[in-house]
Amino acid sequence: RFVAAIGPGLAGLSPDIAAEPRVNGAIMRINRDIRFSKDKTPYKTNVGIQFRHVTGKDVHAPGLYVHVEPGASMIGVGLWHPEASALAAIRSRIIDDPAGWAKVRDDAAFRATFELHGESLKRPPPGVAADHPHVEDLKRKDHIAVASISDPTFMAEGVVDEVMQRFRVAKAYLGFLCEAVGIAF
């Protein structure tokens, strides 16, 4: 019901983000076949909901994510483990438009809501000076932003509005990433 309820809000955010209320649509599978396995532990102990960009068949286009797990629920936005070409395009866009990137990344509402996460290189990528003003962002291998959400907030009646409010705060961030990889948002 959550996916169906948030669908209209997502359509208002971007017509290019899909809210398919089904497993292998927005809802990630939580089980595996354990009938013949000695290891009966669950495949996952959380529910993952990914609102993908319509051009992304998997997680290789910027999108939105909701992670539901007691004591560890959160929402995420961005691009996790992008292909090399997408990562190069994002880095090029940051280099070509450093002021635009800084405006998106340093937006007060965005910074108050989200933290940038993900893996980074230990050294700057080839061709990037160690003293580049955005070297830490250029070293990123993932471009994701995460916001924790408390259990009481997630279980409240207004959770759809709360999640949508946070997604709206990230609209410029998602727009920057989508433009960098050459897809509509």
N, C-alpha and C. Protein backbone atom coordinates (compact mmCIF):
# COMPACT_ATOMS: atom_id res chain seq x y z
N ARG A 1 0.81 -1.20 0.00
CA ARG A 1 0.00 0.00 0.00
C ARG A 1 0.86 1.26 0.00
N PHE A 2 2.02 1.19 0.66
CA PHE A 2 2.91 2.35 0.70
C PHE A 2 3.32 2.77 -0.71
N VAL A 3 3.71 1.81 -1.53
CA VAL A 3 4.17 2.12 -2.89
C VAL A 3 3.04 2.75 -3.71
N ALA A 4 1.85 2.17 -3.62
CA ALA A 4 0.71 2.73 -4.35
C ALA A 4 0.36 4.13 -3.84
N ALA A 5 0.47 4.34 -2.53
CA ALA A 5 0.12 5.64 -1.95
C ALA A 5 1.11 6.73 -2.33
N ILE A 6 2.37 6.36 -2.48
CA ILE A 6 3.39 7.38 -2.79
C ILE A 6 3.49 7.66 -4.28
N GLY A 7 2.91 6.79 -5.10
CA GLY A 7 2.98 6.93 -6.56
C GLY A 7 2.59 8.29 -7.10
N PRO A 8 1.42 8.85 -6.71
CA PRO A 8 1.04 10.17 -7.23
C PRO A 8 2.03 11.27 -6.85
N GLY A 9 2.58 11.20 -5.65
CA GLY A 9 3.57 12.19 -5.23
C GLY A 9 4.84 12.10 -6.06
N LEU A 10 5.25 10.87 -6.35
CA LEU A 10 6.44 10.69 -7.19
C LEU A 10 6.20 11.20 -8.60
N ALA A 11 5.00 10.98 -9.12
CA ALA A 11 4.68 11.48 -10.46
C ALA A 11 4.76 13.00 -10.49
N GLY A 12 4.38 13.65 -9.38
CA GLY A 12 4.51 15.10 -9.30
C GLY A 12 5.95 15.55 -9.17
N LEU A 13 6.79 14.73 -8.56
CA LEU A 13 8.21 15.04 -8.42
C LEU A 13 8.91 14.91 -9.77
N SER A 14 8.65 13.79 -10.44
CA SER A 14 9.23 13.54 -11.76
C SER A 14 8.43 12.46 -12.46
N PRO A 15 7.99 12.69 -13.68
CA PRO A 15 7.27 11.65 -14.41
C PRO A 15 8.19 10.50 -14.82
N ASP A 16 9.50 10.67 -14.62
CA ASP A 16 10.46 9.65 -15.01
C ASP A 16 10.82 8.68 -13.89
N ILE A 17 10.19 8.81 -12.73
CA ILE A 17 10.42 7.88 -11.63
C ILE A 17 9.20 6.97 -11.52
N ALA A 18 9.46 5.66 -11.52
CA ALA A 18 8.37 4.68 -11.53
C ALA A 18 8.07 4.19 -10.12
N ALA A 19 6.78 4.00 -9.82
CA ALA A 19 6.32 3.42 -8.56
C ALA A 19 5.47 2.20 -8.90
N GLU A 20 6.12 1.07 -9.09
CA GLU A 20 5.42 -0.17 -9.45
C GLU A 20 5.20 -1.00 -8.19
N PRO A 21 3.96 -1.08 -7.68
CA PRO A 21 3.70 -1.78 -6.41
C PRO A 21 3.68 -3.30 -6.56
N ARG A 22 4.84 -3.87 -6.84
CA ARG A 22 4.95 -5.33 -6.96
C ARG A 22 6.39 -5.74 -6.69
N VAL A 23 6.58 -7.01 -6.37
CA VAL A 23 7.93 -7.55 -6.19
C VAL A 23 8.61 -7.52 -7.55
N ASN A 24 9.88 -7.16 -7.57
CA ASN A 24 10.68 -6.94 -8.77
C ASN A 24 10.21 -5.71 -9.56
N GLY A 25 9.30 -4.95 -8.99
CA GLY A 25 8.96 -3.62 -9.49
C GLY A 25 9.68 -2.67 -8.56
N ALA A 26 8.92 -2.02 -7.67
CA ALA A 26 9.54 -1.17 -6.67
C ALA A 26 9.98 -1.98 -5.44
N ILE A 27 9.28 -3.07 -5.17
CA ILE A 27 9.55 -3.85 -3.96
C ILE A 27 10.60 -4.92 -4.25
N MET A 28 11.69 -4.87 -3.49
CA MET A 28 12.75 -5.86 -3.67
C MET A 28 12.37 -7.14 -2.94
N ARG A 29 12.79 -8.26 -3.48
CA ARG A 29 12.42 -9.53 -2.85
C ARG A 29 13.12 -9.67 -1.50
N ILE A 30 12.43 -10.31 -0.57
CA ILE A 30 12.98 -10.46 0.78
C ILE A 30 13.30 -11.90 1.11
N ASN A 31 12.84 -12.84 0.30
CA ASN A 31 13.03 -14.25 0.61
C ASN A 31 13.86 -14.95 -0.46
N ARG A 32 14.38 -16.10 -0.09
CA ARG A 32 15.04 -16.99 -1.03
C ARG A 32 14.49 -18.38 -0.76
N ASP A 33 14.67 -19.28 -1.68
CA ASP A 33 14.18 -20.65 -1.53
C ASP A 33 15.10 -21.39 -0.57
N ILE A 34 14.60 -21.71 0.63
CA ILE A 34 15.42 -22.40 1.63
C ILE A 34 15.01 -23.86 1.80
N ARG A 35 14.15 -24.36 0.93
CA ARG A 35 13.64 -25.73 1.10
C ARG A 35 14.74 -26.77 1.15
N PHE A 36 15.76 -26.62 0.32
CA PHE A 36 16.80 -27.64 0.23
C PHE A 36 18.14 -27.15 0.76
N SER A 37 18.12 -26.07 1.50
CA SER A 37 19.34 -25.48 2.02
C SER A 37 19.53 -25.84 3.49
N LYS A 38 20.78 -26.09 3.87
CA LYS A 38 21.08 -26.32 5.29
C LYS A 38 21.02 -25.01 6.06
N ASP A 39 21.35 -23.93 5.39
CA ASP A 39 21.33 -22.60 6.01
C ASP A 39 19.93 -22.01 5.83
N LYS A 40 19.18 -21.94 6.90
CA LYS A 40 17.79 -21.46 6.84
C LYS A 40 17.66 -19.98 7.23
N THR A 41 18.79 -19.27 7.31
CA THR A 41 18.71 -17.86 7.68
C THR A 41 18.01 -17.07 6.58
N PRO A 42 17.33 -16.01 6.97
CA PRO A 42 16.61 -15.22 5.96
C PRO A 42 17.57 -14.56 4.97
N TYR A 43 17.08 -14.36 3.76
CA TYR A 43 17.85 -13.66 2.72
C TYR A 43 18.06 -12.21 3.14
N LYS A 44 17.03 -11.59 3.66
CA LYS A 44 17.09 -10.21 4.15
C LYS A 44 16.24 -10.10 5.41
N THR A 45 16.62 -9.16 6.26
CA THR A 45 15.81 -8.88 7.44
C THR A 45 15.19 -7.49 7.34
N ASN A 46 15.20 -6.94 6.15
CA ASN A 46 14.62 -5.62 5.90
C ASN A 46 13.77 -5.68 4.64
N VAL A 47 13.01 -4.63 4.43
CA VAL A 47 12.26 -4.46 3.19
C VAL A 47 12.90 -3.30 2.44
N GLY A 48 13.25 -3.52 1.20
CA GLY A 48 13.81 -2.48 0.35
C GLY A 48 12.81 -2.10 -0.73
N ILE A 49 12.60 -0.82 -0.90
CA ILE A 49 11.69 -0.32 -1.93
C ILE A 49 12.47 0.68 -2.77
N GLN A 50 12.60 0.38 -4.06
CA GLN A 50 13.35 1.26 -4.94
C GLN A 50 12.45 1.83 -6.02
N PHE A 51 12.43 3.14 -6.07
CA PHE A 51 11.69 3.83 -7.11
C PHE A 51 12.70 4.20 -8.19
N ARG A 52 12.71 3.41 -9.24
CA ARG A 52 13.72 3.53 -10.28
C ARG A 52 13.35 4.57 -11.33
N HIS A 53 14.37 5.09 -11.95
CA HIS A 53 14.18 5.92 -13.14
C HIS A 53 13.70 4.99 -14.25
N VAL A 54 12.79 5.45 -15.06
CA VAL A 54 12.19 4.58 -16.08
C VAL A 54 13.21 4.04 -17.08
N THR A 55 14.35 4.71 -17.23
CA THR A 55 15.37 4.20 -18.15
C THR A 55 16.27 3.16 -17.50
N GLY A 56 16.24 3.03 -16.18
CA GLY A 56 17.12 2.10 -15.48
C GLY A 56 16.46 0.76 -15.26
N LYS A 57 17.06 -0.30 -15.81
CA LYS A 57 16.50 -1.64 -15.62
C LYS A 57 16.86 -2.20 -14.26
N ASP A 58 17.91 -1.67 -13.67
CA ASP A 58 18.35 -2.13 -12.36
C ASP A 58 18.62 -0.88 -11.53
N VAL A 59 19.70 -0.85 -10.80
CA VAL A 59 20.00 0.29 -9.94
C VAL A 59 21.02 1.23 -10.59
N HIS A 60 21.13 1.21 -11.91
CA HIS A 60 22.18 1.96 -12.59
C HIS A 60 21.73 3.30 -13.16
N ALA A 61 20.65 3.83 -12.65
CA ALA A 61 20.20 5.18 -12.99
C ALA A 61 19.82 5.84 -11.67
N PRO A 62 19.94 7.15 -11.56
CA PRO A 62 19.55 7.79 -10.31
C PRO A 62 18.11 7.44 -9.94
N GLY A 63 17.90 7.24 -8.66
CA GLY A 63 16.57 6.88 -8.20
C GLY A 63 16.40 7.18 -6.72
N LEU A 64 15.31 6.67 -6.17
CA LEU A 64 14.94 6.89 -4.77
C LEU A 64 14.80 5.53 -4.10
N TYR A 65 15.13 5.47 -2.82
CA TYR A 65 15.12 4.20 -2.11
C TYR A 65 14.55 4.39 -0.72
N VAL A 66 13.76 3.42 -0.26
CA VAL A 66 13.25 3.39 1.11
C VAL A 66 13.67 2.06 1.72
N HIS A 67 14.32 2.11 2.85
CA HIS A 67 14.81 0.93 3.57
C HIS A 67 14.03 0.84 4.87
N VAL A 68 13.30 -0.25 5.06
CA VAL A 68 12.48 -0.42 6.25
C VAL A 68 13.06 -1.56 7.08
N GLU A 69 13.53 -1.21 8.27
CA GLU A 69 14.12 -2.18 9.19
C GLU A 69 14.02 -1.60 10.59
N PRO A 70 13.50 -2.36 11.55
CA PRO A 70 13.38 -1.82 12.90
C PRO A 70 14.71 -1.25 13.40
N GLY A 71 14.68 0.01 13.79
CA GLY A 71 15.85 0.68 14.32
C GLY A 71 16.84 1.16 13.28
N ALA A 72 16.61 0.88 12.00
CA ALA A 72 17.57 1.25 10.97
C ALA A 72 16.90 1.70 9.67
N SER A 73 15.69 2.20 9.76
CA SER A 73 14.99 2.64 8.54
C SER A 73 15.61 3.93 8.02
N MET A 74 15.59 4.08 6.71
CA MET A 74 16.16 5.28 6.10
C MET A 74 15.64 5.42 4.68
N ILE A 75 15.85 6.60 4.14
CA ILE A 75 15.57 6.81 2.72
C ILE A 75 16.87 7.25 2.06
N GLY A 76 16.99 6.93 0.80
CA GLY A 76 18.18 7.29 0.05
C GLY A 76 17.80 7.81 -1.32
N VAL A 77 18.66 8.63 -1.86
CA VAL A 77 18.47 9.16 -3.20
C VAL A 77 19.82 9.16 -3.90
N GLY A 78 19.80 8.98 -5.20
CA GLY A 78 21.04 9.08 -5.95
C GLY A 78 21.34 7.87 -6.80
N LEU A 79 22.63 7.60 -6.93
CA LEU A 79 23.12 6.56 -7.83
C LEU A 79 24.14 5.71 -7.09
N TRP A 80 23.79 4.44 -6.86
CA TRP A 80 24.64 3.51 -6.11
C TRP A 80 25.36 2.60 -7.09
N HIS A 81 26.65 2.48 -6.96
CA HIS A 81 27.50 1.64 -7.82
C HIS A 81 27.24 1.88 -9.31
N PRO A 82 27.38 3.13 -9.77
CA PRO A 82 27.12 3.39 -11.19
C PRO A 82 28.16 2.71 -12.08
N GLU A 83 27.76 2.48 -13.31
CA GLU A 83 28.69 1.95 -14.30
C GLU A 83 29.79 2.99 -14.52
N ALA A 84 30.93 2.54 -15.04
CA ALA A 84 32.09 3.43 -15.22
C ALA A 84 31.74 4.64 -16.07
N SER A 85 30.96 4.45 -17.12
CA SER A 85 30.62 5.57 -18.00
C SER A 85 29.75 6.60 -17.27
N ALA A 86 28.82 6.14 -16.45
CA ALA A 86 27.96 7.06 -15.69
C ALA A 86 28.78 7.82 -14.65
N LEU A 87 29.68 7.12 -13.97
CA LEU A 87 30.52 7.76 -12.97
C LEU A 87 31.42 8.82 -13.63
N ALA A 88 31.97 8.49 -14.79
CA ALA A 88 32.81 9.46 -15.51
C ALA A 88 31.98 10.67 -15.92
N ALA A 89 30.75 10.46 -16.34
CA ALA A 89 29.88 11.57 -16.73
C ALA A 89 29.57 12.48 -15.55
N ILE A 90 29.32 11.88 -14.38
CA ILE A 90 29.05 12.69 -13.18
C ILE A 90 30.28 13.49 -12.80
N ARG A 91 31.44 12.85 -12.82
CA ARG A 91 32.68 13.57 -12.50
C ARG A 91 32.91 14.72 -13.48
N SER A 92 32.67 14.47 -14.76
CA SER A 92 32.84 15.52 -15.76
C SER A 92 31.90 16.69 -15.51
N ARG A 93 30.68 16.37 -15.13
CA ARG A 93 29.70 17.43 -14.87
C ARG A 93 30.10 18.26 -13.66
N ILE A 94 30.63 17.61 -12.62
CA ILE A 94 31.10 18.34 -11.44
C ILE A 94 32.25 19.26 -11.82
N ILE A 95 33.17 18.76 -12.66
CA ILE A 95 34.32 19.57 -13.10
C ILE A 95 33.85 20.72 -13.98
N ASP A 96 32.91 20.45 -14.88
CA ASP A 96 32.43 21.48 -15.82
C ASP A 96 31.53 22.53 -15.17
N ASP A 97 30.83 22.14 -14.11
CA ASP A 97 29.89 23.06 -13.45
C ASP A 97 30.08 23.02 -11.93
N PRO A 98 31.26 23.44 -11.46
CA PRO A 98 31.52 23.35 -10.02
C PRO A 98 30.57 24.20 -9.18
N ALA A 99 30.15 25.34 -9.70
CA ALA A 99 29.22 26.19 -8.95
C ALA A 99 27.85 25.54 -8.85
N GLY A 100 27.40 24.93 -9.94
CA GLY A 100 26.12 24.22 -9.92
C GLY A 100 26.14 23.05 -8.96
N TRP A 101 27.25 22.30 -8.96
CA TRP A 101 27.38 21.17 -8.04
C TRP A 101 27.37 21.68 -6.59
N ALA A 102 28.13 22.71 -6.31
CA ALA A 102 28.19 23.24 -4.94
C ALA A 102 26.82 23.72 -4.49
N LYS A 103 26.08 24.35 -5.38
CA LYS A 103 24.73 24.84 -5.03
C LYS A 103 23.82 23.68 -4.65
N VAL A 104 23.88 22.60 -5.41
CA VAL A 104 23.04 21.43 -5.13
C VAL A 104 23.49 20.73 -3.84
N ARG A 105 24.78 20.46 -3.74
CA ARG A 105 25.32 19.72 -2.60
C ARG A 105 25.20 20.49 -1.29
N ASP A 106 25.37 21.80 -1.35
CA ASP A 106 25.40 22.61 -0.14
C ASP A 106 24.08 23.29 0.19
N ASP A 107 23.02 22.98 -0.55
CA ASP A 107 21.70 23.54 -0.26
C ASP A 107 21.36 23.27 1.21
N ALA A 108 20.92 24.29 1.92
CA ALA A 108 20.68 24.18 3.36
C ALA A 108 19.66 23.10 3.70
N ALA A 109 18.55 23.05 2.98
CA ALA A 109 17.53 22.04 3.27
C ALA A 109 18.04 20.64 2.96
N PHE A 110 18.80 20.50 1.87
CA PHE A 110 19.37 19.20 1.50
C PHE A 110 20.34 18.73 2.58
N ARG A 111 21.24 19.60 3.01
CA ARG A 111 22.23 19.23 4.03
C ARG A 111 21.59 18.94 5.38
N ALA A 112 20.49 19.63 5.69
CA ALA A 112 19.80 19.38 6.96
C ALA A 112 19.07 18.05 6.95
N THR A 113 18.74 17.55 5.77
CA THR A 113 17.96 16.32 5.64
C THR A 113 18.84 15.11 5.34
N PHE A 114 19.81 15.27 4.46
CA PHE A 114 20.60 14.15 3.95
C PHE A 114 22.08 14.27 4.29
N GLU A 115 22.74 13.10 4.31
CA GLU A 115 24.19 13.02 4.38
C GLU A 115 24.66 12.25 3.17
N LEU A 116 25.76 12.69 2.56
CA LEU A 116 26.31 11.96 1.42
C LEU A 116 27.03 10.72 1.94
N HIS A 117 26.79 9.59 1.29
CA HIS A 117 27.36 8.31 1.69
C HIS A 117 27.91 7.59 0.48
N GLY A 118 28.50 6.46 0.73
CA GLY A 118 28.99 5.61 -0.35
C GLY A 118 30.50 5.49 -0.34
N GLU A 119 30.97 4.61 -1.19
CA GLU A 119 32.40 4.34 -1.29
C GLU A 119 33.11 5.46 -2.05
N SER A 120 34.39 5.64 -1.70
CA SER A 120 35.22 6.64 -2.37
C SER A 120 36.59 6.05 -2.66
N LEU A 121 37.24 6.61 -3.66
CA LEU A 121 38.62 6.25 -3.95
C LEU A 121 39.52 6.81 -2.85
N LYS A 122 40.67 6.21 -2.67
CA LYS A 122 41.63 6.73 -1.69
C LYS A 122 42.36 7.95 -2.25
N ARG A 123 42.60 7.95 -3.57
CA ARG A 123 43.27 9.05 -4.24
C ARG A 123 42.35 9.64 -5.30
N PRO A 124 42.64 10.85 -5.75
CA PRO A 124 41.80 11.44 -6.81
C PRO A 124 41.84 10.57 -8.07
N PRO A 125 40.76 10.58 -8.84
CA PRO A 125 40.77 9.83 -10.10
C PRO A 125 41.80 10.42 -11.07
N PRO A 126 42.22 9.64 -12.05
CA PRO A 126 43.21 10.15 -13.01
C PRO A 126 42.75 11.46 -13.65
N GLY A 127 43.69 12.40 -13.73
CA GLY A 127 43.39 13.69 -14.34
C GLY A 127 42.82 14.73 -13.40
N VAL A 128 42.60 14.37 -12.14
CA VAL A 128 42.04 15.31 -11.16
C VAL A 128 43.13 15.67 -10.16
N ALA A 129 43.39 16.95 -10.02
CA ALA A 129 44.42 17.41 -9.08
C ALA A 129 43.98 17.18 -7.64
N ALA A 130 44.94 16.86 -6.80
CA ALA A 130 44.65 16.61 -5.38
C ALA A 130 44.10 17.84 -4.67
N ASP A 131 44.37 19.03 -5.22
CA ASP A 131 43.88 20.26 -4.59
C ASP A 131 42.63 20.82 -5.26
N HIS A 132 41.97 20.02 -6.10
CA HIS A 132 40.73 20.46 -6.75
C HIS A 132 39.71 20.79 -5.65
N PRO A 133 38.95 21.87 -5.79
CA PRO A 133 38.01 22.25 -4.73
C PRO A 133 36.94 21.19 -4.42
N HIS A 134 36.65 20.32 -5.37
CA HIS A 134 35.64 19.28 -5.15
C HIS A 134 36.26 17.88 -5.19
N VAL A 135 37.53 17.78 -4.81
CA VAL A 135 38.24 16.50 -4.93
C VAL A 135 37.54 15.38 -4.16
N GLU A 136 36.99 15.68 -2.99
CA GLU A 136 36.32 14.62 -2.21
C GLU A 136 35.09 14.09 -2.94
N ASP A 137 34.37 14.96 -3.62
CA ASP A 137 33.21 14.52 -4.40
C ASP A 137 33.64 13.79 -5.66
N LEU A 138 34.75 14.19 -6.24
CA LEU A 138 35.25 13.53 -7.45
C LEU A 138 35.82 12.15 -7.14
N LYS A 139 36.21 11.92 -5.90
CA LYS A 139 36.71 10.60 -5.50
C LYS A 139 35.57 9.61 -5.25
N ARG A 140 34.36 10.09 -5.17
CA ARG A 140 33.22 9.21 -4.87
C ARG A 140 33.04 8.15 -5.96
N LYS A 141 32.75 6.92 -5.50
CA LYS A 141 32.37 5.85 -6.42
C LYS A 141 30.86 5.67 -6.42
N ASP A 142 30.21 6.17 -5.39
CA ASP A 142 28.75 6.18 -5.28
C ASP A 142 28.32 7.63 -5.06
N HIS A 143 27.20 7.98 -5.63
CA HIS A 143 26.63 9.32 -5.39
C HIS A 143 25.26 9.13 -4.79
N ILE A 144 25.26 8.86 -3.48
CA ILE A 144 24.01 8.64 -2.76
C ILE A 144 23.95 9.55 -1.54
N ALA A 145 22.74 9.93 -1.21
CA ALA A 145 22.49 10.72 -0.02
C ALA A 145 21.45 9.97 0.81
N VAL A 146 21.67 9.92 2.11
CA VAL A 146 20.86 9.09 3.00
C VAL A 146 20.29 9.95 4.13
N ALA A 147 19.04 9.66 4.49
CA ALA A 147 18.39 10.30 5.63
C ALA A 147 17.75 9.23 6.50
N SER A 148 18.12 9.19 7.76
CA SER A 148 17.50 8.24 8.69
C SER A 148 16.05 8.63 8.92
N ILE A 149 15.25 7.63 9.23
CA ILE A 149 13.85 7.89 9.56
C ILE A 149 13.51 7.01 10.76
N SER A 150 13.01 7.60 11.81
CA SER A 150 12.76 6.86 13.05
C SER A 150 11.60 5.89 12.89
N ASP A 151 11.59 4.87 13.73
CA ASP A 151 10.48 3.90 13.70
C ASP A 151 9.13 4.58 13.95
N PRO A 152 9.00 5.46 14.97
CA PRO A 152 7.70 6.12 15.16
C PRO A 152 7.27 6.94 13.95
N THR A 153 8.21 7.62 13.31
CA THR A 153 7.87 8.40 12.11
C THR A 153 7.43 7.48 10.99
N PHE A 154 8.14 6.37 10.83
CA PHE A 154 7.81 5.46 9.74
C PHE A 154 6.47 4.77 9.97
N MET A 155 6.10 4.55 11.21
CA MET A 155 4.84 3.86 11.51
C MET A 155 3.66 4.83 11.61
N ALA A 156 3.92 6.13 11.55
CA ALA A 156 2.86 7.13 11.68
C ALA A 156 2.01 7.18 10.42
N GLU A 157 0.81 7.71 10.58
CA GLU A 157 -0.13 7.81 9.47
C GLU A 157 0.39 8.70 8.34
N GLY A 158 1.16 9.71 8.65
CA GLY A 158 1.64 10.66 7.64
C GLY A 158 2.98 10.30 7.02
N VAL A 159 3.36 9.03 7.06
CA VAL A 159 4.68 8.64 6.56
C VAL A 159 4.85 8.93 5.08
N VAL A 160 3.82 8.77 4.29
CA VAL A 160 3.94 9.04 2.85
C VAL A 160 4.28 10.51 2.63
N ASP A 161 3.60 11.41 3.33
CA ASP A 161 3.89 12.84 3.20
C ASP A 161 5.30 13.16 3.68
N GLU A 162 5.72 12.53 4.78
CA GLU A 162 7.06 12.76 5.32
C GLU A 162 8.14 12.31 4.33
N VAL A 163 7.98 11.14 3.76
CA VAL A 163 8.96 10.63 2.79
C VAL A 163 8.96 11.51 1.55
N MET A 164 7.79 11.89 1.06
CA MET A 164 7.72 12.75 -0.12
C MET A 164 8.36 14.11 0.14
N GLN A 165 8.18 14.66 1.34
CA GLN A 165 8.81 15.94 1.66
C GLN A 165 10.33 15.81 1.55
N ARG A 166 10.87 14.70 2.04
CA ARG A 166 12.32 14.49 1.96
C ARG A 166 12.77 14.27 0.52
N PHE A 167 11.98 13.53 -0.24
CA PHE A 167 12.32 13.34 -1.65
C PHE A 167 12.32 14.67 -2.40
N ARG A 168 11.37 15.55 -2.08
CA ARG A 168 11.31 16.85 -2.74
C ARG A 168 12.56 17.69 -2.44
N VAL A 169 13.07 17.56 -1.22
CA VAL A 169 14.29 18.28 -0.84
C VAL A 169 15.46 17.84 -1.72
N ALA A 170 15.44 16.60 -2.18
CA ALA A 170 16.54 16.05 -2.98
C ALA A 170 16.34 16.22 -4.48
N LYS A 171 15.31 16.93 -4.89
CA LYS A 171 15.00 17.05 -6.33
C LYS A 171 16.17 17.65 -7.12
N ALA A 172 16.78 18.71 -6.64
CA ALA A 172 17.89 19.33 -7.37
C ALA A 172 19.09 18.38 -7.46
N TYR A 173 19.36 17.64 -6.39
CA TYR A 173 20.45 16.66 -6.38
C TYR A 173 20.21 15.58 -7.43
N LEU A 174 19.00 15.04 -7.45
CA LEU A 174 18.66 14.03 -8.45
C LEU A 174 18.70 14.61 -9.86
N GLY A 175 18.23 15.83 -10.01
CA GLY A 175 18.26 16.48 -11.32
C GLY A 175 19.68 16.65 -11.84
N PHE A 176 20.60 17.02 -10.95
CA PHE A 176 22.00 17.18 -11.34
C PHE A 176 22.56 15.84 -11.82
N LEU A 177 22.31 14.77 -11.06
CA LEU A 177 22.82 13.45 -11.44
C LEU A 177 22.21 12.97 -12.75
N CYS A 178 20.90 13.14 -12.90
CA CYS A 178 20.23 12.71 -14.14
C CYS A 178 20.77 13.47 -15.34
N GLU A 179 20.93 14.78 -15.19
CA GLU A 179 21.46 15.57 -16.30
C GLU A 179 22.88 15.13 -16.64
N ALA A 180 23.67 14.82 -15.61
CA ALA A 180 25.05 14.39 -15.84
C ALA A 180 25.11 13.10 -16.67
N VAL A 181 24.20 12.17 -16.40
CA VAL A 181 24.23 10.90 -17.14
C VAL A 181 23.36 10.93 -18.39
N GLY A 182 22.76 12.08 -18.68
CA GLY A 182 22.04 12.27 -19.93
C GLY A 182 20.65 11.69 -19.98
N ILE A 183 19.95 11.70 -18.83
CA ILE A 183 18.56 11.22 -18.83
C ILE A 183 17.65 12.30 -18.26
N ALA A 184 16.39 12.24 -18.64
CA ALA A 184 15.41 13.24 -18.21
C ALA A 184 15.08 13.07 -16.74
N PHE A 185 14.66 14.18 -16.14
CA PHE A 185 14.16 14.12 -14.76
C PHE A 185 13.07 15.15 -14.60
